[in-house]
């Protein structure tokens, strides 16, 4: 029950910040939306969070955020360049990459990192075999094997130190 109240307060706070400065109607709507979202999603969040006790993992996570933001910036510039220059040839493709990450949260972070980097999307996860199916807007090197996706390799190296 306390978790649901905390979730509702969190959703309401987010709602109020998104429509800042909130009016009375916004606040009333925010209470209704927060209650609805909590009702719909509370069962999904029953897993207890595991927080690493090693401070070194937090430092690796900070490095991960920096690397992710840098890769995201580079990918945004690349995609924007392709939009501005429509003559630029694209070579889209979907392929599978193998990951050595074992934890669910590590695999989820890797898949989301790939998806949030413009130009790449994780289409599916084969958790039992450690496979991610990734679609790229442009495959620079046709010799890319399932084990080689440069952006995924960078993320995976750091995420292994954070979650494994």
C-alpha atoms as a PDB file:
ATOM      1  CA  UNK A   1       0.000   0.000   0.000  1.00  0.00           C
ATOM      2  CA  UNK A   2       2.825   2.404   0.846  1.00  0.00           C
ATOM      3  CA  UNK A   3       4.450   1.618  -2.512  1.00  0.00           C
ATOM      4  CA  UNK A   4       1.224   2.525  -4.325  1.00  0.00           C
ATOM      5  CA  UNK A   5       0.943   5.808  -2.450  1.00  0.00           C
ATOM      6  CA  UNK A   6       4.578   6.589  -3.270  1.00  0.00           C
ATOM      7  CA  UNK A   7       3.932   5.766  -6.942  1.00  0.00           C
ATOM      8  CA  UNK A   8       0.853   7.998  -7.024  1.00  0.00           C
ATOM      9  CA  UNK A   9       2.738  10.887  -5.458  1.00  0.00           C
ATOM     10  CA  UNK A  10       5.584  10.382  -7.931  1.00  0.00           C
ATOM     11  CA  UNK A  11       3.221  10.357 -10.935  1.00  0.00           C
ATOM     12  CA  UNK A  12       1.368  13.391  -9.596  1.00  0.00           C
ATOM     13  CA  UNK A  13       4.631  15.295  -9.070  1.00  0.00           C
ATOM     14  CA  UNK A  14       5.735  14.474 -12.592  1.00  0.00           C
ATOM     15  CA  UNK A  15       2.356  15.624 -13.928  1.00  0.00           C
ATOM     16  CA  UNK A  16       2.550  18.900 -11.995  1.00  0.00           C
ATOM     17  CA  UNK A  17       6.081  19.571 -13.253  1.00  0.00           C
ATOM     18  CA  UNK A  18       5.088  18.876 -16.856  1.00  0.00           C
ATOM     19  CA  UNK A  19       2.250  21.406 -16.763  1.00  0.00           C
ATOM     20  CA  UNK A  20       4.060  24.011 -14.691  1.00  0.00           C
ATOM     21  CA  UNK A  21       2.644  26.379 -13.474  1.00  0.00           C
ATOM     22  CA  UNK A  22      -0.296  24.137 -12.675  1.00  0.00           C
ATOM     23  CA  UNK A  23      -3.839  25.434 -12.474  1.00  0.00           C
ATOM     24  CA  UNK A  24      -6.567  23.951 -10.287  1.00  0.00           C
ATOM     25  CA  UNK A  25      -7.884  21.964 -13.251  1.00  0.00           C
ATOM     26  CA  UNK A  26      -4.369  20.628 -13.908  1.00  0.00           C
ATOM     27  CA  UNK A  27      -4.017  19.507 -10.300  1.00  0.00           C
ATOM     28  CA  UNK A  28      -7.397  17.758 -10.293  1.00  0.00           C
ATOM     29  CA  UNK A  29      -6.602  16.061 -13.577  1.00  0.00           C
ATOM     30  CA  UNK A  30      -3.150  15.147 -12.222  1.00  0.00           C
ATOM     31  CA  UNK A  31      -4.672  13.381  -9.213  1.00  0.00           C
ATOM     32  CA  UNK A  32      -6.973  11.380 -11.502  1.00  0.00           C
ATOM     33  CA  UNK A  33      -4.182  10.506 -13.938  1.00  0.00           C
ATOM     34  CA  UNK A  34      -1.778   9.550 -11.122  1.00  0.00           C
ATOM     35  CA  UNK A  35      -4.392   7.263  -9.561  1.00  0.00           C
ATOM     36  CA  UNK A  36      -5.191   5.669 -12.933  1.00  0.00           C
ATOM     37  CA  UNK A  37      -1.546   5.100 -13.876  1.00  0.00           C
ATOM     38  CA  UNK A  38      -0.800   3.663 -10.434  1.00  0.00           C
ATOM     39  CA  UNK A  39      -3.803   1.341 -10.703  1.00  0.00           C
ATOM     40  CA  UNK A  40      -2.727   0.156 -14.171  1.00  0.00           C
ATOM     41  CA  UNK A  41       1.002  -0.282 -13.488  1.00  0.00           C
ATOM     42  CA  UNK A  42       1.336  -1.204  -9.806  1.00  0.00           C
ATOM     43  CA  UNK A  43       1.405  -4.954 -10.493  1.00  0.00           C
ATOM     44  CA  UNK A  44       4.293  -4.566 -12.935  1.00  0.00           C
ATOM     45  CA  UNK A  45       6.535  -3.022 -10.312  1.00  0.00           C
ATOM     46  CA  UNK A  46       6.436  -5.750  -7.687  1.00  0.00           C
ATOM     47  CA  UNK A  47      10.080  -6.693  -8.152  1.00  0.00           C
ATOM     48  CA  UNK A  48      12.308  -5.356  -5.405  1.00  0.00           C
ATOM     49  CA  UNK A  49      15.085  -3.161  -6.655  1.00  0.00           C
ATOM     50  CA  UNK A  50      18.614  -4.390  -6.084  1.00  0.00           C
ATOM     51  CA  UNK A  51      21.032  -1.606  -5.361  1.00  0.00           C
ATOM     52  CA  UNK A  52      24.710  -2.487  -5.656  1.00  0.00           C
ATOM     53  CA  UNK A  53      26.686  -1.965  -2.477  1.00  0.00           C
ATOM     54  CA  UNK A  54      29.966  -1.278  -4.232  1.00  0.00           C
ATOM     55  CA  UNK A  55      30.576   2.443  -4.824  1.00  0.00           C
ATOM     56  CA  UNK A  56      32.764   1.533  -7.811  1.00  0.00           C
ATOM     57  CA  UNK A  57      29.640   0.351  -9.660  1.00  0.00           C
ATOM     58  CA  UNK A  58      28.092   3.784  -9.249  1.00  0.00           C
ATOM     59  CA  UNK A  59      31.192   5.354 -10.772  1.00  0.00           C
ATOM     60  CA  UNK A  60      30.928   2.933 -13.712  1.00  0.00           C
ATOM     61  CA  UNK A  61      27.266   3.918 -14.066  1.00  0.00           C
ATOM     62  CA  UNK A  62      28.243   7.595 -14.237  1.00  0.00           C
ATOM     63  CA  UNK A  63      30.753   6.687 -16.965  1.00  0.00           C
ATOM     64  CA  UNK A  64      27.995   4.760 -18.762  1.00  0.00           C
ATOM     65  CA  UNK A  65      25.737   7.847 -18.727  1.00  0.00           C
ATOM     66  CA  UNK A  66      28.538   9.997 -20.153  1.00  0.00           C
ATOM     67  CA  UNK A  67      29.338   7.449 -22.889  1.00  0.00           C
ATOM     68  CA  UNK A  68      25.630   7.026 -23.670  1.00  0.00           C
ATOM     69  CA  UNK A  69      25.080  10.777 -24.013  1.00  0.00           C
ATOM     70  CA  UNK A  70      28.142  11.086 -26.273  1.00  0.00           C
ATOM     71  CA  UNK A  71      27.035   8.187 -28.502  1.00  0.00           C
ATOM     72  CA  UNK A  72      23.506   9.591 -28.608  1.00  0.00           C
ATOM     73  CA  UNK A  73      24.800  13.017 -29.659  1.00  0.00           C
ATOM     74  CA  UNK A  74      26.953  11.507 -32.428  1.00  0.00           C
ATOM     75  CA  UNK A  75      24.042   9.371 -33.664  1.00  0.00           C
ATOM     76  CA  UNK A  76      21.665  12.362 -33.641  1.00  0.00           C
ATOM     77  CA  UNK A  77      24.082  14.356 -35.786  1.00  0.00           C
ATOM     78  CA  UNK A  78      24.463  11.407 -38.172  1.00  0.00           C
ATOM     79  CA  UNK A  79      20.694  10.935 -38.557  1.00  0.00           C
ATOM     80  CA  UNK A  80      20.131  14.690 -38.938  1.00  0.00           C
ATOM     81  CA  UNK A  81      22.783  14.728 -41.682  1.00  0.00           C
ATOM     82  CA  UNK A  82      20.956  11.914 -43.489  1.00  0.00           C
ATOM     83  CA  UNK A  83      17.675  13.836 -43.260  1.00  0.00           C
ATOM     84  CA  UNK A  84      19.222  17.056 -44.568  1.00  0.00           C
ATOM     85  CA  UNK A  85      20.960  15.209 -47.437  1.00  0.00           C
ATOM     86  CA  UNK A  86      18.339  12.803 -48.797  1.00  0.00           C
ATOM     87  CA  UNK A  87      20.722  11.739 -51.614  1.00  0.00           C
ATOM     88  CA  UNK A  88      22.855  10.001 -49.030  1.00  0.00           C
ATOM     89  CA  UNK A  89      22.544   6.289 -49.572  1.00  0.00           C
ATOM     90  CA  UNK A  90      21.264   4.223 -46.712  1.00  0.00           C
ATOM     91  CA  UNK A  91      21.871   0.543 -46.254  1.00  0.00           C
ATOM     92  CA  UNK A  92      19.398  -0.647 -43.609  1.00  0.00           C
ATOM     93  CA  UNK A  93      19.560  -4.086 -42.159  1.00  0.00           C
ATOM     94  CA  UNK A  94      18.559  -6.263 -39.253  1.00  0.00           C
ATOM     95  CA  UNK A  95      21.027  -8.634 -37.689  1.00  0.00           C
ATOM     96  CA  UNK A  96      21.654 -10.356 -34.407  1.00  0.00           C
ATOM     97  CA  UNK A  97      24.373  -9.581 -31.932  1.00  0.00           C
ATOM     98  CA  UNK A  98      25.494 -11.798 -29.102  1.00  0.00           C
ATOM     99  CA  UNK A  99      25.785 -10.351 -25.608  1.00  0.00           C
ATOM    100  CA  UNK A 100      27.639 -11.802 -22.665  1.00  0.00           C
ATOM    101  CA  UNK A 101      25.422  -9.993 -20.166  1.00  0.00           C
ATOM    102  CA  UNK A 102      23.470 -12.404 -17.975  1.00  0.00           C
ATOM    103  CA  UNK A 103      21.342 -10.213 -15.710  1.00  0.00           C
ATOM    104  CA  UNK A 104      17.923  -9.096 -16.902  1.00  0.00           C
ATOM    105  CA  UNK A 105      18.586  -5.496 -15.978  1.00  0.00           C
ATOM    106  CA  UNK A 106      21.926  -5.493 -17.821  1.00  0.00           C
ATOM    107  CA  UNK A 107      20.345  -6.885 -20.994  1.00  0.00           C
ATOM    108  CA  UNK A 108      17.465  -4.425 -20.686  1.00  0.00           C
ATOM    109  CA  UNK A 109      19.866  -1.490 -20.292  1.00  0.00           C
ATOM    110  CA  UNK A 110      21.841  -2.645 -23.337  1.00  0.00           C
ATOM    111  CA  UNK A 111      18.723  -3.093 -25.483  1.00  0.00           C
ATOM    112  CA  UNK A 112      17.331   0.289 -24.440  1.00  0.00           C
ATOM    113  CA  UNK A 113      20.698   1.982 -24.986  1.00  0.00           C
ATOM    114  CA  UNK A 114      20.817   0.636 -28.529  1.00  0.00           C
ATOM    115  CA  UNK A 115      17.221   1.689 -29.173  1.00  0.00           C
ATOM    116  CA  UNK A 116      17.662   5.173 -27.712  1.00  0.00           C
ATOM    117  CA  UNK A 117      20.678   5.773 -29.932  1.00  0.00           C
ATOM    118  CA  UNK A 118      19.182   7.178 -33.170  1.00  0.00           C
ATOM    119  CA  UNK A 119      19.655   5.002 -36.210  1.00  0.00           C
ATOM    120  CA  UNK A 120      19.471   1.710 -34.312  1.00  0.00           C
ATOM    121  CA  UNK A 121      16.549  -0.182 -32.791  1.00  0.00           C
ATOM    122  CA  UNK A 122      16.474  -3.370 -30.767  1.00  0.00           C
ATOM    123  CA  UNK A 123      13.709  -5.390 -32.363  1.00  0.00           C
ATOM    124  CA  UNK A 124      13.765  -8.500 -30.169  1.00  0.00           C
ATOM    125  CA  UNK A 125      15.693 -10.104 -27.331  1.00  0.00           C
ATOM    126  CA  UNK A 126      16.591 -13.785 -27.262  1.00  0.00           C
ATOM    127  CA  UNK A 127      17.339 -13.876 -23.547  1.00  0.00           C
ATOM    128  CA  UNK A 128      18.012 -17.611 -23.308  1.00  0.00           C
ATOM    129  CA  UNK A 129      20.795 -17.462 -25.898  1.00  0.00           C
ATOM    130  CA  UNK A 130      21.978 -13.918 -25.156  1.00  0.00           C
ATOM    131  CA  UNK A 131      20.957 -12.517 -28.541  1.00  0.00           C
ATOM    132  CA  UNK A 132      19.695  -9.081 -29.475  1.00  0.00           C
ATOM    133  CA  UNK A 133      18.106  -8.487 -32.874  1.00  0.00           C
ATOM    134  CA  UNK A 134      19.040  -4.980 -33.987  1.00  0.00           C
ATOM    135  CA  UNK A 135      17.891  -2.914 -36.959  1.00  0.00           C
ATOM    136  CA  UNK A 136      20.302  -0.250 -38.216  1.00  0.00           C
ATOM    137  CA  UNK A 137      19.518   2.564 -40.617  1.00  0.00           C
ATOM    138  CA  UNK A 138      22.950   2.234 -42.186  1.00  0.00           C
ATOM    139  CA  UNK A 139      25.386  -0.639 -41.960  1.00  0.00           C
ATOM    140  CA  UNK A 140      28.760   0.938 -42.717  1.00  0.00           C
ATOM    141  CA  UNK A 141      30.655  -2.302 -43.001  1.00  0.00           C
ATOM    142  CA  UNK A 142      28.858  -5.298 -44.545  1.00  0.00           C
ATOM    143  CA  UNK A 143      31.333  -7.585 -42.770  1.00  0.00           C
ATOM    144  CA  UNK A 144      29.762  -6.788 -39.396  1.00  0.00           C
ATOM    145  CA  UNK A 145      29.239 -10.116 -37.685  1.00  0.00           C
ATOM    146  CA  UNK A 146      26.631 -10.887 -35.033  1.00  0.00           C
ATOM    147  CA  UNK A 147      29.268 -10.240 -32.367  1.00  0.00           C
ATOM    148  CA  UNK A 148      30.310  -6.815 -33.656  1.00  0.00           C
ATOM    149  CA  UNK A 149      28.247  -3.681 -33.335  1.00  0.00           C
ATOM    150  CA  UNK A 150      30.570  -0.910 -32.159  1.00  0.00           C
ATOM    151  CA  UNK A 151      27.999   1.028 -30.152  1.00  0.00           C
ATOM    152  CA  UNK A 152      26.753  -2.145 -28.443  1.00  0.00           C
ATOM    153  CA  UNK A 153      30.303  -3.207 -27.593  1.00  0.00           C
ATOM    154  CA  UNK A 154      30.978   0.128 -25.861  1.00  0.00           C
ATOM    155  CA  UNK A 155      27.790  -0.063 -23.825  1.00  0.00           C
ATOM    156  CA  UNK A 156      28.223  -3.739 -22.975  1.00  0.00           C
ATOM    157  CA  UNK A 157      31.769  -3.317 -21.619  1.00  0.00           C
ATOM    158  CA  UNK A 158      30.604  -0.681 -19.154  1.00  0.00           C
ATOM    159  CA  UNK A 159      27.266  -2.309 -18.288  1.00  0.00           C
ATOM    160  CA  UNK A 160      29.074  -5.544 -17.422  1.00  0.00           C
ATOM    161  CA  UNK A 161      30.999  -3.642 -14.729  1.00  0.00           C
ATOM    162  CA  UNK A 162      27.797  -2.035 -13.438  1.00  0.00           C
ATOM    163  CA  UNK A 163      25.403  -5.005 -13.314  1.00  0.00           C
ATOM    164  CA  UNK A 164      27.435  -8.224 -13.419  1.00  0.00           C
END
